[in-house]
Protein backbone atom coordinates (compact mmCIF):
# COMPACT_ATOMS: atom_id res chain seq x y z
CA MET A 1 -37.15 -61.99 -185.31
CA LYS A 2 -34.30 -63.34 -187.29
CA VAL A 3 -35.81 -62.23 -190.59
CA PHE A 4 -36.59 -58.75 -189.13
CA LEU A 5 -32.56 -58.68 -189.01
CA VAL A 6 -32.20 -59.96 -192.21
CA ILE A 7 -34.36 -57.06 -193.53
CA ILE A 8 -32.76 -54.16 -191.21
CA LEU A 9 -29.12 -55.48 -192.70
CA VAL A 10 -30.33 -55.35 -196.33
CA LEU A 11 -31.50 -52.10 -195.74
CA ILE A 12 -27.77 -50.92 -193.34
CA ILE A 13 -26.17 -52.55 -197.04
CA TYR A 14 -28.26 -51.83 -199.94
CA ILE A 15 -28.96 -48.30 -199.74
CA PRO A 16 -25.24 -47.27 -199.23
CA VAL A 17 -24.66 -49.45 -202.42
CA ILE A 18 -27.38 -47.59 -204.68
CA MET A 19 -26.08 -44.05 -203.35
CA LEU A 20 -23.10 -44.97 -204.38
CA ILE A 21 -24.09 -46.54 -207.96
CA SER A 22 -26.64 -43.03 -208.16
CA PHE A 23 -23.57 -41.10 -207.18
CA VAL A 24 -21.02 -42.29 -210.01
CA ARG A 25 -24.05 -41.93 -212.42
CA ALA A 26 -24.09 -37.93 -211.54
CA LEU A 27 -20.45 -37.99 -211.65
CA PHE A 28 -20.41 -39.07 -215.24
CA CYS A 29 -23.45 -36.76 -215.95
CA VAL A 30 -22.18 -33.38 -213.77
CA ARG A 31 -20.66 -32.71 -217.37
CA LYS A 32 -23.72 -31.88 -218.90
CA GLY A 33 -24.71 -29.50 -215.88
CA LYS A 34 -25.03 -29.36 -212.28
CA THR A 35 -28.84 -29.67 -212.20
CA TYR A 36 -28.98 -32.38 -214.88
CA ALA A 37 -26.97 -34.46 -212.76
CA LYS A 38 -28.77 -33.98 -209.32
CA GLU A 39 -31.98 -35.02 -211.70
CA LYS A 40 -30.25 -38.16 -212.61
CA PHE A 41 -29.01 -39.15 -209.01
CA TRP A 42 -32.75 -38.89 -207.69
CA ASP A 43 -33.68 -40.82 -210.48
CA THR A 44 -31.31 -43.76 -210.32
CA PHE A 45 -32.00 -43.81 -206.21
CA LEU A 46 -35.39 -43.60 -206.69
CA SER A 47 -35.71 -46.31 -209.34
CA PHE A 48 -33.12 -48.41 -207.16
CA PHE A 49 -35.37 -47.90 -203.88
CA LEU A 50 -38.35 -48.61 -205.23
CA GLU A 51 -37.13 -51.78 -206.56
CA LEU A 52 -36.23 -52.24 -203.03
CA LEU A 53 -39.62 -52.02 -202.16
CA ASN A 54 -41.23 -54.22 -204.36
CA PRO A 55 -42.37 -57.13 -202.10
CA MET A 56 -41.55 -59.43 -205.07
CA ASN A 57 -38.25 -59.01 -204.77
CA TRP A 58 -38.22 -60.15 -201.34
CA PHE A 59 -39.11 -63.81 -202.43
CA LEU A 60 -37.72 -64.51 -205.56
């Protein structure tokens, strides 16, 4: 049960952090265009989120 709570806690903390990082990167790219900023936001978010799903990162 404790492991499950740790996983939930990590998700609650990690997802807002990766959204914040993605948002900041999108703000830096907004001068190149709104669609370019949206693309960079999703590119960054998905990269970090897929790293979260990688089971090798859970144990290292």
